[in-house]
Amino acid sequence: MAEKEEDKTRLRIYTDGSCLGNPGPGGWAARLSFKETHKDLAGGFALTTNNRMELYAAIMALETLTRPCRVELLTDSKYLIGGVKGWLAAWKQKGWRNAKGKAVLNRDLWERLDSLLAGHEVHMQWVEGHSGHAENEDMDRLAKSWAERGGLPTDTGYRP
């Protein structure tokens, strides 16, 4: 029996990524908000890129969900928004090649994110970074703190 729309949990996810140098040490952060409950997630890597951290934030947040949800995902990453709303379908159709015929960067994370998106109803919303949006500012600080710590030894998907 198919799940009814009203049965799906509705929540907001706020994400951000940070990288000191690009590549360099990076951090990611996500806040899951449901009604009055909030949960923050964060982590980082010693060598990664900003775009990978933006993707990790969304992935890690969606991986915590235990059932299909209606999600409003707010991010300041035009890379994440552009990928989900526009490029992803074309990349898959072209065998993970971009418009110039080159291999898609961060394919490992895009594939992981794509499989997570399939299990939820996700609406992406862009917020301007460093504009005073409270949750975005919180996630920016948290992601940057992980980048400053140096994170885990390496992001195994990063190839210099």
N, C-alpha and C. Protein backbone atom coordinates (compact mmCIF):
# COMPACT_ATOMS: atom_id res chain seq x y z
N MET A 1 0.84 -1.18 0.00
CA MET A 1 0.00 0.00 0.00
C MET A 1 0.88 1.24 0.00
N ALA A 2 0.63 2.14 -0.90
CA ALA A 2 1.43 3.36 -1.02
C ALA A 2 1.19 4.27 0.18
N GLU A 3 2.24 4.94 0.57
CA GLU A 3 2.14 5.87 1.69
C GLU A 3 1.40 7.13 1.25
N LYS A 4 0.49 7.59 2.08
CA LYS A 4 -0.27 8.80 1.79
C LYS A 4 0.62 10.02 1.99
N GLU A 5 0.38 11.06 1.19
CA GLU A 5 1.16 12.29 1.29
C GLU A 5 1.18 12.85 2.70
N GLU A 6 0.02 12.85 3.35
CA GLU A 6 -0.05 13.45 4.69
C GLU A 6 0.69 12.62 5.74
N ASP A 7 1.01 11.35 5.40
CA ASP A 7 1.74 10.50 6.33
C ASP A 7 3.24 10.76 6.30
N LYS A 8 3.73 11.40 5.25
CA LYS A 8 5.15 11.66 5.14
C LYS A 8 5.56 12.75 6.14
N THR A 9 6.66 12.51 6.83
CA THR A 9 7.19 13.50 7.77
C THR A 9 7.69 14.71 6.98
N ARG A 10 7.39 15.89 7.49
CA ARG A 10 7.85 17.14 6.88
C ARG A 10 8.94 17.74 7.77
N LEU A 11 10.09 18.00 7.16
CA LEU A 11 11.15 18.62 7.94
C LEU A 11 11.99 19.53 7.07
N ARG A 12 12.78 20.36 7.74
CA ARG A 12 13.72 21.24 7.06
C ARG A 12 15.13 20.78 7.37
N ILE A 13 15.97 20.87 6.35
CA ILE A 13 17.38 20.58 6.52
C ILE A 13 18.16 21.79 6.03
N TYR A 14 19.07 22.26 6.84
CA TYR A 14 19.96 23.37 6.50
C TYR A 14 21.36 22.80 6.37
N THR A 15 22.06 23.12 5.28
CA THR A 15 23.39 22.56 5.08
C THR A 15 24.40 23.63 4.70
N ASP A 16 25.67 23.31 4.96
CA ASP A 16 26.76 24.16 4.49
C ASP A 16 28.05 23.37 4.49
N GLY A 17 28.97 23.78 3.65
CA GLY A 17 30.29 23.20 3.58
C GLY A 17 31.32 24.31 3.64
N SER A 18 32.52 23.95 4.06
CA SER A 18 33.59 24.93 4.20
C SER A 18 34.90 24.26 3.83
N CYS A 19 35.81 25.02 3.23
CA CYS A 19 37.12 24.48 2.90
C CYS A 19 38.13 25.61 3.05
N LEU A 20 39.22 25.34 3.75
CA LEU A 20 40.29 26.31 3.94
C LEU A 20 41.36 26.00 2.90
N GLY A 21 41.32 26.73 1.83
CA GLY A 21 42.06 26.36 0.63
C GLY A 21 41.11 25.50 -0.16
N ASN A 22 41.40 25.30 -1.41
CA ASN A 22 40.49 24.48 -2.21
C ASN A 22 41.30 23.79 -3.30
N PRO A 23 41.94 22.69 -3.02
CA PRO A 23 41.70 21.77 -1.91
C PRO A 23 42.41 22.20 -0.63
N GLY A 24 41.93 21.60 0.46
CA GLY A 24 42.50 21.85 1.77
C GLY A 24 41.64 21.17 2.81
N PRO A 25 41.86 21.51 4.08
CA PRO A 25 41.02 20.94 5.13
C PRO A 25 39.60 21.48 4.99
N GLY A 26 38.63 20.60 5.15
CA GLY A 26 37.24 21.02 4.95
C GLY A 26 36.32 20.46 6.01
N GLY A 27 35.16 21.10 6.13
CA GLY A 27 34.14 20.66 7.06
C GLY A 27 32.77 20.79 6.44
N TRP A 28 31.84 20.01 6.95
CA TRP A 28 30.44 20.07 6.51
C TRP A 28 29.55 20.11 7.74
N ALA A 29 28.37 20.66 7.59
CA ALA A 29 27.42 20.72 8.70
C ALA A 29 26.00 20.69 8.16
N ALA A 30 25.12 20.09 8.94
CA ALA A 30 23.70 20.01 8.57
C ALA A 30 22.86 20.08 9.83
N ARG A 31 21.75 20.76 9.75
CA ARG A 31 20.77 20.81 10.84
C ARG A 31 19.46 20.26 10.32
N LEU A 32 18.93 19.28 11.03
CA LEU A 32 17.62 18.73 10.73
C LEU A 32 16.65 19.36 11.72
N SER A 33 15.59 19.96 11.22
CA SER A 33 14.59 20.62 12.07
C SER A 33 13.22 20.04 11.78
N PHE A 34 12.61 19.54 12.83
CA PHE A 34 11.25 19.01 12.75
C PHE A 34 10.46 19.60 13.91
N LYS A 35 9.47 20.40 13.58
CA LYS A 35 8.69 21.12 14.59
C LYS A 35 9.65 21.89 15.49
N GLU A 36 9.71 21.59 16.76
CA GLU A 36 10.59 22.32 17.68
C GLU A 36 11.88 21.56 18.00
N THR A 37 12.11 20.46 17.28
CA THR A 37 13.29 19.63 17.54
C THR A 37 14.35 19.88 16.47
N HIS A 38 15.59 20.03 16.91
CA HIS A 38 16.70 20.27 15.99
C HIS A 38 17.84 19.32 16.32
N LYS A 39 18.49 18.82 15.26
CA LYS A 39 19.66 17.96 15.44
C LYS A 39 20.73 18.43 14.48
N ASP A 40 21.93 18.70 15.02
CA ASP A 40 23.05 19.13 14.20
C ASP A 40 23.99 17.97 13.96
N LEU A 41 24.50 17.87 12.73
CA LEU A 41 25.48 16.88 12.33
C LEU A 41 26.66 17.63 11.73
N ALA A 42 27.87 17.13 11.90
CA ALA A 42 29.03 17.80 11.30
C ALA A 42 30.21 16.85 11.24
N GLY A 43 31.14 17.17 10.37
CA GLY A 43 32.36 16.40 10.24
C GLY A 43 33.28 17.10 9.27
N GLY A 44 34.40 16.46 8.96
CA GLY A 44 35.33 17.08 8.03
C GLY A 44 36.44 16.15 7.61
N PHE A 45 37.26 16.66 6.70
CA PHE A 45 38.39 15.92 6.15
C PHE A 45 39.61 16.83 6.07
N ALA A 46 40.78 16.24 6.17
CA ALA A 46 42.02 17.00 6.12
C ALA A 46 42.32 17.51 4.71
N LEU A 47 41.89 16.77 3.68
CA LEU A 47 42.13 17.18 2.30
C LEU A 47 40.89 16.91 1.48
N THR A 48 40.25 17.97 1.03
CA THR A 48 39.00 17.84 0.28
C THR A 48 38.77 19.14 -0.49
N THR A 49 37.56 19.31 -1.02
CA THR A 49 37.21 20.56 -1.70
C THR A 49 35.90 21.09 -1.12
N ASN A 50 35.64 22.35 -1.39
CA ASN A 50 34.41 22.97 -0.90
C ASN A 50 33.18 22.27 -1.48
N ASN A 51 33.20 21.97 -2.78
CA ASN A 51 32.04 21.33 -3.39
C ASN A 51 31.76 19.97 -2.77
N ARG A 52 32.80 19.20 -2.46
CA ARG A 52 32.59 17.90 -1.82
C ARG A 52 31.96 18.09 -0.44
N MET A 53 32.35 19.11 0.28
CA MET A 53 31.79 19.35 1.61
C MET A 53 30.33 19.76 1.52
N GLU A 54 29.97 20.53 0.51
CA GLU A 54 28.57 20.91 0.30
C GLU A 54 27.73 19.65 0.04
N LEU A 55 28.24 18.75 -0.78
CA LEU A 55 27.54 17.51 -1.07
C LEU A 55 27.45 16.61 0.16
N TYR A 56 28.56 16.49 0.90
CA TYR A 56 28.55 15.66 2.11
C TYR A 56 27.49 16.11 3.09
N ALA A 57 27.34 17.40 3.25
CA ALA A 57 26.36 17.91 4.21
C ALA A 57 24.96 17.40 3.87
N ALA A 58 24.58 17.51 2.60
CA ALA A 58 23.25 17.04 2.19
C ALA A 58 23.14 15.52 2.33
N ILE A 59 24.18 14.81 1.93
CA ILE A 59 24.16 13.34 2.02
C ILE A 59 24.02 12.88 3.46
N MET A 60 24.83 13.41 4.33
CA MET A 60 24.81 12.95 5.72
C MET A 60 23.46 13.25 6.37
N ALA A 61 22.88 14.38 6.05
CA ALA A 61 21.56 14.71 6.61
C ALA A 61 20.51 13.73 6.10
N LEU A 62 20.48 13.48 4.80
CA LEU A 62 19.48 12.57 4.24
C LEU A 62 19.69 11.13 4.70
N GLU A 63 20.93 10.75 4.95
CA GLU A 63 21.19 9.38 5.41
C GLU A 63 20.67 9.13 6.83
N THR A 64 20.40 10.17 7.58
CA THR A 64 19.88 9.96 8.94
C THR A 64 18.38 9.67 8.94
N LEU A 65 17.70 9.94 7.83
CA LEU A 65 16.25 9.75 7.78
C LEU A 65 15.92 8.27 7.70
N THR A 66 14.98 7.84 8.51
CA THR A 66 14.66 6.42 8.60
C THR A 66 13.40 6.02 7.84
N ARG A 67 12.71 6.99 7.28
CA ARG A 67 11.53 6.69 6.47
C ARG A 67 11.34 7.80 5.46
N PRO A 68 10.51 7.60 4.44
CA PRO A 68 10.31 8.65 3.43
C PRO A 68 9.81 9.94 4.07
N CYS A 69 10.41 11.03 3.66
CA CYS A 69 10.06 12.34 4.23
C CYS A 69 9.86 13.38 3.14
N ARG A 70 9.09 14.38 3.48
CA ARG A 70 8.99 15.59 2.68
C ARG A 70 9.99 16.55 3.28
N VAL A 71 10.97 16.92 2.49
CA VAL A 71 12.10 17.71 2.98
C VAL A 71 12.22 19.01 2.23
N GLU A 72 12.43 20.08 2.97
CA GLU A 72 12.84 21.34 2.38
C GLU A 72 14.31 21.49 2.76
N LEU A 73 15.19 21.40 1.77
CA LEU A 73 16.62 21.48 2.01
C LEU A 73 17.10 22.87 1.61
N LEU A 74 17.60 23.61 2.58
CA LEU A 74 18.07 24.97 2.35
C LEU A 74 19.59 25.00 2.36
N THR A 75 20.18 25.59 1.32
CA THR A 75 21.62 25.63 1.17
C THR A 75 22.05 26.91 0.49
N ASP A 76 23.29 27.31 0.73
CA ASP A 76 23.83 28.45 0.01
C ASP A 76 24.71 28.00 -1.16
N SER A 77 24.69 26.71 -1.47
CA SER A 77 25.52 26.14 -2.53
C SER A 77 24.77 26.10 -3.86
N LYS A 78 25.19 26.96 -4.78
CA LYS A 78 24.61 26.92 -6.12
C LYS A 78 25.03 25.64 -6.85
N TYR A 79 26.15 25.08 -6.48
CA TYR A 79 26.62 23.81 -7.05
C TYR A 79 25.65 22.69 -6.68
N LEU A 80 25.28 22.61 -5.43
CA LEU A 80 24.33 21.58 -4.97
C LEU A 80 22.97 21.78 -5.62
N ILE A 81 22.47 22.99 -5.59
CA ILE A 81 21.15 23.30 -6.19
C ILE A 81 21.17 22.99 -7.69
N GLY A 82 22.20 23.48 -8.40
CA GLY A 82 22.28 23.27 -9.84
C GLY A 82 22.35 21.80 -10.19
N GLY A 83 23.12 21.04 -9.41
CA GLY A 83 23.24 19.62 -9.66
C GLY A 83 21.92 18.89 -9.50
N VAL A 84 21.25 19.15 -8.40
CA VAL A 84 19.99 18.45 -8.12
C VAL A 84 18.89 18.89 -9.06
N LYS A 85 18.76 20.19 -9.27
CA LYS A 85 17.64 20.69 -10.07
C LYS A 85 17.86 20.61 -11.58
N GLY A 86 19.10 20.50 -12.02
CA GLY A 86 19.31 20.57 -13.45
C GLY A 86 20.26 19.57 -14.05
N TRP A 87 21.45 19.46 -13.51
CA TRP A 87 22.50 18.70 -14.18
C TRP A 87 22.41 17.20 -13.97
N LEU A 88 21.92 16.77 -12.82
CA LEU A 88 21.97 15.36 -12.45
C LEU A 88 21.32 14.44 -13.49
N ALA A 89 20.15 14.78 -13.93
CA ALA A 89 19.45 13.93 -14.91
C ALA A 89 20.25 13.83 -16.21
N ALA A 90 20.80 14.95 -16.66
CA ALA A 90 21.59 14.95 -17.90
C ALA A 90 22.87 14.15 -17.73
N TRP A 91 23.53 14.28 -16.59
CA TRP A 91 24.76 13.52 -16.34
C TRP A 91 24.49 12.02 -16.41
N LYS A 92 23.43 11.59 -15.77
CA LYS A 92 23.11 10.16 -15.78
C LYS A 92 22.81 9.69 -17.20
N GLN A 93 22.07 10.49 -17.94
CA GLN A 93 21.70 10.13 -19.31
C GLN A 93 22.94 10.03 -20.20
N LYS A 94 23.94 10.85 -19.92
CA LYS A 94 25.17 10.87 -20.73
C LYS A 94 26.27 9.98 -20.15
N GLY A 95 25.90 9.05 -19.27
CA GLY A 95 26.90 8.15 -18.70
C GLY A 95 27.88 8.86 -17.79
N TRP A 96 27.39 9.80 -17.01
CA TRP A 96 28.18 10.58 -16.05
C TRP A 96 29.25 11.42 -16.75
N ARG A 97 28.84 11.99 -17.87
CA ARG A 97 29.67 12.95 -18.61
C ARG A 97 28.97 14.29 -18.57
N ASN A 98 29.74 15.37 -18.50
CA ASN A 98 29.14 16.70 -18.49
C ASN A 98 28.90 17.19 -19.92
N ALA A 99 28.46 18.41 -20.06
CA ALA A 99 28.12 18.96 -21.38
C ALA A 99 29.33 19.00 -22.31
N LYS A 100 30.53 19.06 -21.75
CA LYS A 100 31.75 19.09 -22.57
C LYS A 100 32.30 17.68 -22.83
N GLY A 101 31.57 16.65 -22.35
CA GLY A 101 31.99 15.28 -22.57
C GLY A 101 33.01 14.77 -21.57
N LYS A 102 33.32 15.57 -20.57
CA LYS A 102 34.29 15.16 -19.54
C LYS A 102 33.58 14.46 -18.39
N ALA A 103 34.34 13.64 -17.68
CA ALA A 103 33.79 12.92 -16.52
C ALA A 103 33.30 13.93 -15.48
N VAL A 104 32.15 13.65 -14.90
CA VAL A 104 31.56 14.52 -13.87
C VAL A 104 32.42 14.45 -12.61
N LEU A 105 32.79 15.62 -12.11
CA LEU A 105 33.54 15.68 -10.85
C LEU A 105 32.63 15.27 -9.70
N ASN A 106 33.21 14.61 -8.73
CA ASN A 106 32.50 14.18 -7.51
C ASN A 106 31.39 13.18 -7.80
N ARG A 107 31.59 12.38 -8.84
CA ARG A 107 30.57 11.40 -9.23
C ARG A 107 30.18 10.50 -8.07
N ASP A 108 31.14 10.07 -7.27
CA ASP A 108 30.84 9.19 -6.14
C ASP A 108 29.79 9.80 -5.22
N LEU A 109 29.92 11.08 -4.96
CA LEU A 109 28.97 11.74 -4.06
C LEU A 109 27.65 12.03 -4.77
N TRP A 110 27.70 12.40 -6.03
CA TRP A 110 26.46 12.65 -6.77
C TRP A 110 25.63 11.37 -6.86
N GLU A 111 26.26 10.23 -7.09
CA GLU A 111 25.51 8.97 -7.15
C GLU A 111 24.90 8.64 -5.79
N ARG A 112 25.66 8.87 -4.75
CA ARG A 112 25.15 8.62 -3.39
C ARG A 112 23.96 9.53 -3.09
N LEU A 113 24.09 10.80 -3.43
CA LEU A 113 23.00 11.76 -3.21
C LEU A 113 21.78 11.39 -4.05
N ASP A 114 22.00 11.03 -5.29
CA ASP A 114 20.90 10.67 -6.18
C ASP A 114 20.09 9.51 -5.60
N SER A 115 20.75 8.51 -5.07
CA SER A 115 20.01 7.38 -4.50
C SER A 115 19.22 7.80 -3.26
N LEU A 116 19.73 8.74 -2.50
CA LEU A 116 19.00 9.23 -1.32
C LEU A 116 17.80 10.08 -1.72
N LEU A 117 17.96 10.89 -2.74
CA LEU A 117 16.86 11.74 -3.20
C LEU A 117 15.67 10.91 -3.67
N ALA A 118 15.95 9.73 -4.21
CA ALA A 118 14.88 8.88 -4.73
C ALA A 118 13.93 8.40 -3.64
N GLY A 119 14.38 8.38 -2.40
CA GLY A 119 13.54 7.89 -1.31
C GLY A 119 12.74 8.95 -0.59
N HIS A 120 12.88 10.20 -1.01
CA HIS A 120 12.22 11.30 -0.32
C HIS A 120 11.68 12.31 -1.32
N GLU A 121 10.81 13.15 -0.86
CA GLU A 121 10.32 14.27 -1.65
C GLU A 121 11.12 15.50 -1.18
N VAL A 122 12.14 15.86 -1.95
CA VAL A 122 13.06 16.91 -1.53
C VAL A 122 12.88 18.14 -2.39
N HIS A 123 12.65 19.27 -1.74
CA HIS A 123 12.56 20.56 -2.41
C HIS A 123 13.78 21.37 -1.99
N MET A 124 14.55 21.80 -2.97
CA MET A 124 15.77 22.56 -2.70
C MET A 124 15.46 24.05 -2.71
N GLN A 125 16.07 24.75 -1.77
CA GLN A 125 15.89 26.21 -1.71
C GLN A 125 17.25 26.85 -1.46
N TRP A 126 17.60 27.81 -2.29
CA TRP A 126 18.85 28.53 -2.13
C TRP A 126 18.66 29.68 -1.16
N VAL A 127 19.63 29.85 -0.26
CA VAL A 127 19.68 31.01 0.62
C VAL A 127 21.02 31.68 0.40
N GLU A 128 21.04 32.97 0.42
CA GLU A 128 22.29 33.70 0.23
C GLU A 128 23.19 33.52 1.45
N GLY A 129 24.41 33.09 1.20
CA GLY A 129 25.37 32.90 2.28
C GLY A 129 25.80 34.22 2.90
N HIS A 130 26.09 34.18 4.18
CA HIS A 130 26.58 35.35 4.92
C HIS A 130 25.64 36.55 4.81
N SER A 131 24.35 36.26 4.81
CA SER A 131 23.35 37.32 4.68
C SER A 131 22.51 37.47 5.95
N GLY A 132 22.90 36.78 7.01
CA GLY A 132 22.15 36.89 8.25
C GLY A 132 21.10 35.82 8.46
N HIS A 133 20.99 34.86 7.54
CA HIS A 133 20.04 33.76 7.72
C HIS A 133 20.57 32.92 8.89
N ALA A 134 19.84 32.87 9.98
CA ALA A 134 20.34 32.31 11.24
C ALA A 134 20.86 30.88 11.10
N GLU A 135 20.09 29.99 10.52
CA GLU A 135 20.50 28.60 10.42
C GLU A 135 21.69 28.44 9.47
N ASN A 136 21.69 29.20 8.37
CA ASN A 136 22.82 29.13 7.45
C ASN A 136 24.09 29.64 8.13
N GLU A 137 23.97 30.68 8.91
CA GLU A 137 25.14 31.20 9.64
C GLU A 137 25.64 30.18 10.66
N ASP A 138 24.71 29.51 11.36
CA ASP A 138 25.09 28.47 12.32
C ASP A 138 25.84 27.34 11.63
N MET A 139 25.31 26.88 10.49
CA MET A 139 25.95 25.77 9.78
C MET A 139 27.29 26.19 9.19
N ASP A 140 27.40 27.44 8.77
CA ASP A 140 28.67 27.96 8.27
C ASP A 140 29.73 27.92 9.37
N ARG A 141 29.37 28.38 10.56
CA ARG A 141 30.32 28.37 11.69
C ARG A 141 30.72 26.93 12.06
N LEU A 142 29.74 26.03 12.09
CA LEU A 142 30.01 24.65 12.46
C LEU A 142 30.90 23.97 11.41
N ALA A 143 30.61 24.15 10.14
CA ALA A 143 31.42 23.56 9.08
C ALA A 143 32.84 24.12 9.12
N LYS A 144 32.95 25.43 9.31
CA LYS A 144 34.28 26.05 9.36
C LYS A 144 35.08 25.55 10.56
N SER A 145 34.41 25.31 11.69
CA SER A 145 35.13 24.81 12.86
C SER A 145 35.73 23.43 12.59
N TRP A 146 35.04 22.61 11.81
CA TRP A 146 35.56 21.29 11.45
C TRP A 146 36.72 21.43 10.47
N ALA A 147 36.62 22.36 9.55
CA ALA A 147 37.73 22.60 8.62
C ALA A 147 38.97 23.05 9.39
N GLU A 148 38.77 23.92 10.37
CA GLU A 148 39.89 24.41 11.18
C GLU A 148 40.53 23.31 12.00
N ARG A 149 39.76 22.32 12.40
CA ARG A 149 40.30 21.17 13.16
C ARG A 149 41.09 20.22 12.28
N GLY A 150 40.87 20.29 11.00
CA GLY A 150 41.58 19.41 10.08
C GLY A 150 40.84 18.14 9.74
N GLY A 151 39.74 17.86 10.42
CA GLY A 151 38.90 16.72 10.07
C GLY A 151 39.59 15.38 10.11
N LEU A 152 39.02 14.41 9.41
CA LEU A 152 39.57 13.07 9.30
C LEU A 152 40.77 13.09 8.35
N PRO A 153 41.60 12.06 8.37
CA PRO A 153 42.83 12.09 7.56
C PRO A 153 42.63 12.48 6.09
N THR A 154 41.67 11.90 5.42
CA THR A 154 41.48 12.28 4.02
C THR A 154 40.08 11.94 3.55
N ASP A 155 39.63 12.70 2.59
CA ASP A 155 38.39 12.42 1.89
C ASP A 155 38.80 11.48 0.77
N THR A 156 38.49 10.21 0.89
CA THR A 156 38.97 9.21 -0.05
C THR A 156 38.51 9.44 -1.48
N GLY A 157 37.49 10.26 -1.66
CA GLY A 157 37.02 10.54 -3.02
C GLY A 157 37.76 11.67 -3.69
N TYR A 158 38.56 12.42 -2.96
CA TYR A 158 39.26 13.56 -3.55
C TYR A 158 40.50 13.07 -4.30
N ARG A 159 40.65 13.49 -5.51
CA ARG A 159 41.82 13.14 -6.32
C ARG A 159 42.48 14.42 -6.80
N PRO A 160 43.70 14.73 -6.29
CA PRO A 160 44.38 15.97 -6.73
C PRO A 160 44.78 15.91 -8.20
